[in-house]
Amino acid sequence: MSALKIAVSIIYMLICIGLIVTVLLQPGKSAGLSGVIGGGAELFFGKKKGIEEKLAKFTEILAALFLILSIVMMILFTK
């Protein structure tokens, strides 16, 4: 296995782990009765959006890198 393939595989694994972590850190959507009560509180007191927006943006970036690197690995490993 060449050094390029090993380097791409390591980067790919790091992106996969990062993507899993960022998805798991994001809060779930409130649903049901608890969502109704919590939604009312957010209306009056506001919602912390700073970290959630950053996590969402970082997840989008990691997902794009995951897709691109998957295609690159397919091309590299099939030759």
N, C-alpha and C. Protein backbone atom coordinates (compact mmCIF):
# COMPACT_ATOMS: atom_id res chain seq x y z
N MET A 1 0.85 -1.17 0.00
CA MET A 1 0.00 0.00 0.00
C MET A 1 0.90 1.24 0.00
N SER A 2 0.63 2.14 -0.87
CA SER A 2 1.47 3.33 -0.99
C SER A 2 1.22 4.31 0.15
N ALA A 3 2.16 5.23 0.30
CA ALA A 3 2.05 6.24 1.37
C ALA A 3 0.83 7.13 1.15
N LEU A 4 0.49 7.42 -0.09
CA LEU A 4 -0.67 8.26 -0.39
C LEU A 4 -1.96 7.59 0.07
N LYS A 5 -2.08 6.30 -0.19
CA LYS A 5 -3.28 5.57 0.21
C LYS A 5 -3.40 5.51 1.73
N ILE A 6 -2.28 5.32 2.41
CA ILE A 6 -2.30 5.28 3.87
C ILE A 6 -2.70 6.65 4.43
N ALA A 7 -2.13 7.71 3.88
CA ALA A 7 -2.44 9.06 4.36
C ALA A 7 -3.91 9.40 4.12
N VAL A 8 -4.44 9.06 2.96
CA VAL A 8 -5.85 9.32 2.65
C VAL A 8 -6.76 8.51 3.57
N SER A 9 -6.37 7.27 3.87
CA SER A 9 -7.17 6.43 4.76
C SER A 9 -7.20 6.99 6.18
N ILE A 10 -6.08 7.49 6.67
CA ILE A 10 -6.03 8.08 8.01
C ILE A 10 -6.87 9.34 8.08
N ILE A 11 -6.76 10.20 7.07
CA ILE A 11 -7.56 11.43 7.03
C ILE A 11 -9.05 11.08 6.96
N TYR A 12 -9.37 10.05 6.18
CA TYR A 12 -10.76 9.60 6.05
C TYR A 12 -11.33 9.14 7.39
N MET A 13 -10.54 8.36 8.13
CA MET A 13 -11.00 7.89 9.44
C MET A 13 -11.19 9.05 10.41
N LEU A 14 -10.31 10.04 10.38
CA LEU A 14 -10.45 11.20 11.25
C LEU A 14 -11.70 12.00 10.91
N ILE A 15 -11.99 12.14 9.61
CA ILE A 15 -13.20 12.84 9.18
C ILE A 15 -14.44 12.06 9.61
N CYS A 16 -14.40 10.74 9.50
CA CYS A 16 -15.54 9.91 9.92
C CYS A 16 -15.80 10.07 11.42
N ILE A 17 -14.75 10.03 12.22
CA ILE A 17 -14.91 10.18 13.67
C ILE A 17 -15.43 11.58 13.99
N GLY A 18 -14.88 12.59 13.33
CA GLY A 18 -15.34 13.96 13.55
C GLY A 18 -16.80 14.15 13.16
N LEU A 19 -17.20 13.54 12.07
CA LEU A 19 -18.60 13.64 11.63
C LEU A 19 -19.54 12.97 12.64
N ILE A 20 -19.15 11.82 13.14
CA ILE A 20 -19.97 11.12 14.13
C ILE A 20 -20.10 11.97 15.40
N VAL A 21 -18.99 12.54 15.85
CA VAL A 21 -19.00 13.33 17.08
C VAL A 21 -19.87 14.58 16.91
N THR A 22 -19.73 15.29 15.79
CA THR A 22 -20.50 16.51 15.61
C THR A 22 -22.00 16.22 15.49
N VAL A 23 -22.36 15.12 14.87
CA VAL A 23 -23.77 14.77 14.77
C VAL A 23 -24.33 14.42 16.14
N LEU A 24 -23.56 13.69 16.93
CA LEU A 24 -24.04 13.30 18.26
C LEU A 24 -24.10 14.48 19.23
N LEU A 25 -23.29 15.51 19.02
CA LEU A 25 -23.31 16.67 19.90
C LEU A 25 -24.47 17.61 19.65
N GLN A 26 -25.07 17.50 18.47
CA GLN A 26 -26.18 18.40 18.14
C GLN A 26 -27.42 18.01 18.93
N PRO A 27 -28.14 19.02 19.42
CA PRO A 27 -29.36 18.71 20.18
C PRO A 27 -30.46 18.20 19.25
N GLY A 28 -31.32 17.34 19.78
CA GLY A 28 -32.42 16.81 19.01
C GLY A 28 -33.55 17.82 18.91
N LYS A 29 -34.42 17.60 17.97
CA LYS A 29 -35.60 18.46 17.82
C LYS A 29 -36.61 18.09 18.90
N SER A 30 -37.16 19.08 19.55
CA SER A 30 -38.16 18.82 20.59
C SER A 30 -39.46 18.37 19.94
N ALA A 31 -40.04 17.36 20.51
CA ALA A 31 -41.29 16.84 19.95
C ALA A 31 -42.21 16.43 21.09
N GLY A 32 -43.45 16.38 20.81
CA GLY A 32 -44.42 15.95 21.80
C GLY A 32 -44.71 17.01 22.83
N LEU A 33 -45.21 16.57 23.99
CA LEU A 33 -45.61 17.49 25.04
C LEU A 33 -44.42 18.26 25.61
N SER A 34 -43.30 17.59 25.78
CA SER A 34 -42.12 18.28 26.31
C SER A 34 -41.63 19.36 25.34
N GLY A 35 -41.81 19.14 24.07
CA GLY A 35 -41.43 20.14 23.08
C GLY A 35 -42.32 21.36 23.14
N VAL A 36 -43.59 21.16 23.45
CA VAL A 36 -44.53 22.28 23.56
C VAL A 36 -44.16 23.15 24.76
N ILE A 37 -43.86 22.52 25.87
CA ILE A 37 -43.49 23.26 27.08
C ILE A 37 -42.15 23.95 26.88
N GLY A 38 -41.17 23.23 26.35
CA GLY A 38 -39.86 23.81 26.12
C GLY A 38 -39.89 24.91 25.07
N GLY A 39 -40.72 24.74 24.07
CA GLY A 39 -40.83 25.76 23.02
C GLY A 39 -41.38 27.06 23.55
N GLY A 40 -42.31 26.97 24.50
CA GLY A 40 -42.85 28.18 25.11
C GLY A 40 -41.81 28.92 25.92
N ALA A 41 -40.96 28.17 26.60
CA ALA A 41 -39.89 28.79 27.39
C ALA A 41 -38.87 29.46 26.47
N GLU A 42 -38.58 28.84 25.34
CA GLU A 42 -37.63 29.42 24.39
C GLU A 42 -38.18 30.71 23.79
N LEU A 43 -39.50 30.79 23.67
CA LEU A 43 -40.11 32.00 23.12
C LEU A 43 -39.85 33.20 24.02
N PHE A 44 -39.94 32.99 25.34
CA PHE A 44 -39.75 34.09 26.28
C PHE A 44 -38.29 34.35 26.61
N PHE A 45 -37.52 33.29 26.79
CA PHE A 45 -36.15 33.45 27.28
C PHE A 45 -35.10 33.38 26.17
N GLY A 46 -35.48 33.03 24.97
CA GLY A 46 -34.54 32.92 23.88
C GLY A 46 -33.86 31.56 23.88
N LYS A 47 -33.11 31.31 22.85
CA LYS A 47 -32.45 30.03 22.70
C LYS A 47 -30.99 30.28 22.39
N LYS A 48 -30.10 29.51 22.99
CA LYS A 48 -28.68 29.64 22.70
C LYS A 48 -28.41 29.09 21.31
N LYS A 49 -28.03 29.96 20.39
CA LYS A 49 -27.84 29.51 19.01
C LYS A 49 -26.38 29.47 18.61
N GLY A 50 -25.51 30.07 19.38
CA GLY A 50 -24.11 30.17 18.97
C GLY A 50 -23.46 28.84 18.70
N ILE A 51 -23.47 27.96 19.69
CA ILE A 51 -22.80 26.67 19.54
C ILE A 51 -23.54 25.77 18.56
N GLU A 52 -24.87 25.85 18.56
CA GLU A 52 -25.65 24.99 17.65
C GLU A 52 -25.40 25.35 16.20
N GLU A 53 -25.31 26.64 15.90
CA GLU A 53 -25.04 27.07 14.52
C GLU A 53 -23.64 26.66 14.10
N LYS A 54 -22.68 26.77 15.01
CA LYS A 54 -21.30 26.36 14.69
C LYS A 54 -21.22 24.86 14.46
N LEU A 55 -21.90 24.09 15.28
CA LEU A 55 -21.91 22.64 15.10
C LEU A 55 -22.56 22.25 13.77
N ALA A 56 -23.65 22.92 13.42
CA ALA A 56 -24.32 22.63 12.15
C ALA A 56 -23.41 22.94 10.97
N LYS A 57 -22.72 24.08 11.03
CA LYS A 57 -21.82 24.47 9.95
C LYS A 57 -20.64 23.49 9.84
N PHE A 58 -20.09 23.11 11.00
CA PHE A 58 -18.97 22.18 11.02
C PHE A 58 -19.40 20.81 10.50
N THR A 59 -20.64 20.40 10.80
CA THR A 59 -21.16 19.13 10.30
C THR A 59 -21.29 19.17 8.78
N GLU A 60 -21.76 20.29 8.24
CA GLU A 60 -21.87 20.44 6.78
C GLU A 60 -20.51 20.33 6.12
N ILE A 61 -19.51 20.97 6.71
CA ILE A 61 -18.16 20.93 6.14
C ILE A 61 -17.60 19.51 6.17
N LEU A 62 -17.76 18.84 7.32
CA LEU A 62 -17.27 17.46 7.43
C LEU A 62 -18.01 16.52 6.48
N ALA A 63 -19.31 16.73 6.29
CA ALA A 63 -20.07 15.88 5.37
C ALA A 63 -19.59 16.07 3.94
N ALA A 64 -19.29 17.32 3.55
CA ALA A 64 -18.78 17.57 2.20
C ALA A 64 -17.40 16.93 2.03
N LEU A 65 -16.54 17.07 3.03
CA LEU A 65 -15.22 16.44 2.96
C LEU A 65 -15.34 14.92 2.90
N PHE A 66 -16.28 14.37 3.66
CA PHE A 66 -16.52 12.92 3.63
C PHE A 66 -16.91 12.45 2.24
N LEU A 67 -17.81 13.18 1.61
CA LEU A 67 -18.25 12.82 0.26
C LEU A 67 -17.12 12.90 -0.74
N ILE A 68 -16.38 14.00 -0.71
CA ILE A 68 -15.28 14.20 -1.65
C ILE A 68 -14.20 13.14 -1.44
N LEU A 69 -13.84 12.90 -0.20
CA LEU A 69 -12.80 11.93 0.08
C LEU A 69 -13.25 10.51 -0.25
N SER A 70 -14.53 10.21 -0.12
CA SER A 70 -15.05 8.90 -0.52
C SER A 70 -14.87 8.68 -2.02
N ILE A 71 -15.13 9.69 -2.80
CA ILE A 71 -14.96 9.59 -4.25
C ILE A 71 -13.49 9.45 -4.60
N VAL A 72 -12.63 10.22 -3.93
CA VAL A 72 -11.18 10.13 -4.18
C VAL A 72 -10.67 8.73 -3.83
N MET A 73 -11.12 8.20 -2.71
CA MET A 73 -10.67 6.86 -2.31
C MET A 73 -11.16 5.79 -3.28
N MET A 74 -12.37 5.96 -3.81
CA MET A 74 -12.86 5.01 -4.79
C MET A 74 -11.97 5.01 -6.02
N ILE A 75 -11.56 6.18 -6.45
CA ILE A 75 -10.69 6.28 -7.62
C ILE A 75 -9.30 5.72 -7.33
N LEU A 76 -8.76 6.03 -6.16
CA LEU A 76 -7.42 5.57 -5.81
C LEU A 76 -7.35 4.05 -5.61
N PHE A 77 -8.33 3.49 -4.93
CA PHE A 77 -8.27 2.09 -4.54
C PHE A 77 -8.75 1.13 -5.64
N THR A 78 -9.38 1.63 -6.69
CA THR A 78 -9.82 0.73 -7.75
C THR A 78 -8.78 0.58 -8.85
N LYS A 79 -7.72 1.37 -8.76
CA LYS A 79 -6.67 1.23 -9.78
C LYS A 79 -5.66 0.19 -9.40
